[in-house]
Amino acid sequence: MDVMALYLATRDARVPWYAKALAAVVVAYALSPIDLIPDFIPVLGYVDDLILVPLGVLLAIRLIPPDLMIEFRAQARLRIERPVSKTGAAIIIGFWILAAILLLWTFWPRTVS
């Protein structure tokens, strides 16, 4: 829920720019399917999920004024029941299609004549 509240904070003019910047990075990383350290690496793969994301969320929350954060959490509670973003889904699907095309292009056997 705090990630959704941080997302709402990034779109509010009352939040300082540095808090918006950090919140945007934290939200993007928390919702991204790409990790800094891939999860298949034993132990280290979960470090970002268990340490980096929560620390980023805590730091971003501390940079946002408390009265605003209460408001964003209340808005997030109302919105959490309908977390549909067709644009976000399209961007992620497009990224995976592009990655698949690049991999195929890179590793597809070429005939030399």
Protein backbone atom coordinates (compact mmCIF):
# COMPACT_ATOMS: atom_id res chain seq x y z
CA MET A 1 0.00 0.00 0.00
CA ASP A 2 2.89 2.37 0.70
CA VAL A 3 4.17 1.88 -2.86
CA MET A 4 0.81 3.05 -4.17
CA ALA A 5 0.90 5.99 -1.75
CA LEU A 6 4.38 6.88 -3.03
CA TYR A 7 3.10 6.71 -6.59
CA LEU A 8 0.38 9.20 -5.66
CA ALA A 9 3.02 11.40 -4.03
CA THR A 10 5.00 11.57 -7.28
CA ARG A 11 2.01 13.19 -8.95
CA ASP A 12 1.28 15.83 -6.29
CA ALA A 13 2.63 19.38 -6.59
CA ARG A 14 2.88 19.80 -2.79
CA VAL A 15 5.63 17.17 -2.51
CA PRO A 16 9.24 18.46 -2.79
CA TRP A 17 11.01 17.56 -6.04
CA TYR A 18 13.70 15.45 -4.34
CA ALA A 19 11.04 13.39 -2.55
CA LYS A 20 9.19 12.94 -5.85
CA ALA A 21 12.39 11.82 -7.58
CA LEU A 22 13.23 9.22 -4.94
CA ALA A 23 9.62 8.03 -4.73
CA ALA A 24 9.50 7.61 -8.52
CA VAL A 25 12.69 5.52 -8.50
CA VAL A 26 11.44 3.37 -5.61
CA VAL A 27 8.02 2.82 -7.19
CA ALA A 28 9.52 1.99 -10.59
CA TYR A 29 11.97 -0.47 -9.06
CA ALA A 30 9.39 -2.07 -6.77
CA LEU A 31 6.95 -2.65 -9.63
CA SER A 32 9.52 -3.54 -12.27
CA PRO A 33 9.98 -7.16 -13.27
CA ILE A 34 13.72 -6.48 -13.58
CA ASP A 35 15.85 -6.75 -10.43
CA LEU A 36 19.23 -5.23 -9.70
CA ILE A 37 20.36 -8.67 -8.57
CA PRO A 38 18.52 -11.52 -10.37
CA ASP A 39 16.49 -13.75 -8.04
CA PHE A 40 18.09 -16.96 -9.35
CA ILE A 41 21.37 -16.04 -7.62
CA PRO A 42 21.22 -17.84 -4.26
CA VAL A 43 20.73 -15.57 -1.23
CA LEU A 44 21.94 -12.39 -2.98
CA GLY A 45 19.02 -12.52 -5.41
CA TYR A 46 16.58 -11.64 -2.65
CA VAL A 47 18.68 -8.89 -1.06
CA ASP A 48 17.05 -6.18 -3.16
CA ASP A 49 13.56 -7.47 -2.38
CA LEU A 50 14.20 -7.79 1.34
CA ILE A 51 16.49 -4.83 2.00
CA LEU A 52 16.74 -2.30 -0.84
CA VAL A 53 13.03 -1.86 -1.59
CA PRO A 54 11.91 -1.47 2.06
CA LEU A 55 14.79 0.94 2.77
CA GLY A 56 13.90 2.97 -0.31
CA VAL A 57 10.25 3.09 0.73
CA LEU A 58 11.17 4.20 4.26
CA LEU A 59 13.50 6.91 3.01
CA ALA A 60 10.95 8.22 0.51
CA ILE A 61 8.25 8.27 3.20
CA ARG A 62 10.53 10.26 5.51
CA LEU A 63 11.09 12.90 2.81
CA ILE A 64 7.36 13.44 2.32
CA PRO A 65 5.59 15.67 4.89
CA PRO A 66 3.63 13.46 7.34
CA ASP A 67 0.26 15.15 6.78
CA LEU A 68 0.58 14.58 3.03
CA MET A 69 1.62 10.96 3.54
CA ILE A 70 -1.53 10.34 5.61
CA GLU A 71 -3.58 11.75 2.74
CA PHE A 72 -1.75 9.62 0.14
CA ARG A 73 -2.23 6.46 2.22
CA ALA A 74 -5.96 7.18 2.47
CA GLN A 75 -6.15 7.67 -1.31
CA ALA A 76 -4.13 4.49 -1.84
CA ARG A 77 -6.58 2.50 0.30
CA LEU A 78 -9.41 3.66 -1.96
CA ARG A 79 -7.50 2.92 -5.17
CA ILE A 80 -5.96 -0.38 -4.12
CA GLU A 81 -9.13 -2.24 -5.06
CA ARG A 82 -8.72 -1.31 -8.73
CA PRO A 83 -4.99 -1.43 -9.55
CA VAL A 84 -5.42 -1.61 -13.33
CA SER A 85 -2.96 0.19 -15.55
CA LYS A 86 -3.31 -0.69 -19.21
CA THR A 87 -0.50 1.71 -20.11
CA GLY A 88 1.88 0.10 -17.60
CA ALA A 89 0.96 -3.38 -18.83
CA ALA A 90 1.51 -2.31 -22.44
CA ILE A 91 4.94 -0.85 -21.60
CA ILE A 92 6.04 -4.02 -19.80
CA ILE A 93 4.72 -6.29 -22.57
CA GLY A 94 6.42 -4.09 -25.17
CA PHE A 95 9.68 -4.30 -23.25
CA TRP A 96 9.53 -8.10 -23.15
CA ILE A 97 8.70 -8.31 -26.86
CA LEU A 98 11.61 -6.00 -27.66
CA ALA A 99 13.93 -8.06 -25.45
CA ALA A 100 12.81 -11.27 -27.20
CA ILE A 101 13.39 -9.73 -30.63
CA LEU A 102 16.86 -8.52 -29.63
CA LEU A 103 17.77 -11.94 -28.26
CA LEU A 104 16.54 -13.67 -31.40
CA TRP A 105 18.40 -11.22 -33.62
CA THR A 106 21.59 -11.65 -31.59
CA PHE A 107 21.59 -15.43 -31.37
CA TRP A 108 19.81 -16.47 -34.58
CA PRO A 109 22.21 -18.48 -36.76
CA ARG A 110 23.24 -16.60 -39.86
CA THR A 111 24.21 -18.35 -43.05
CA VAL A 112 27.38 -17.20 -44.72
CA SER A 113 27.39 -17.40 -48.48
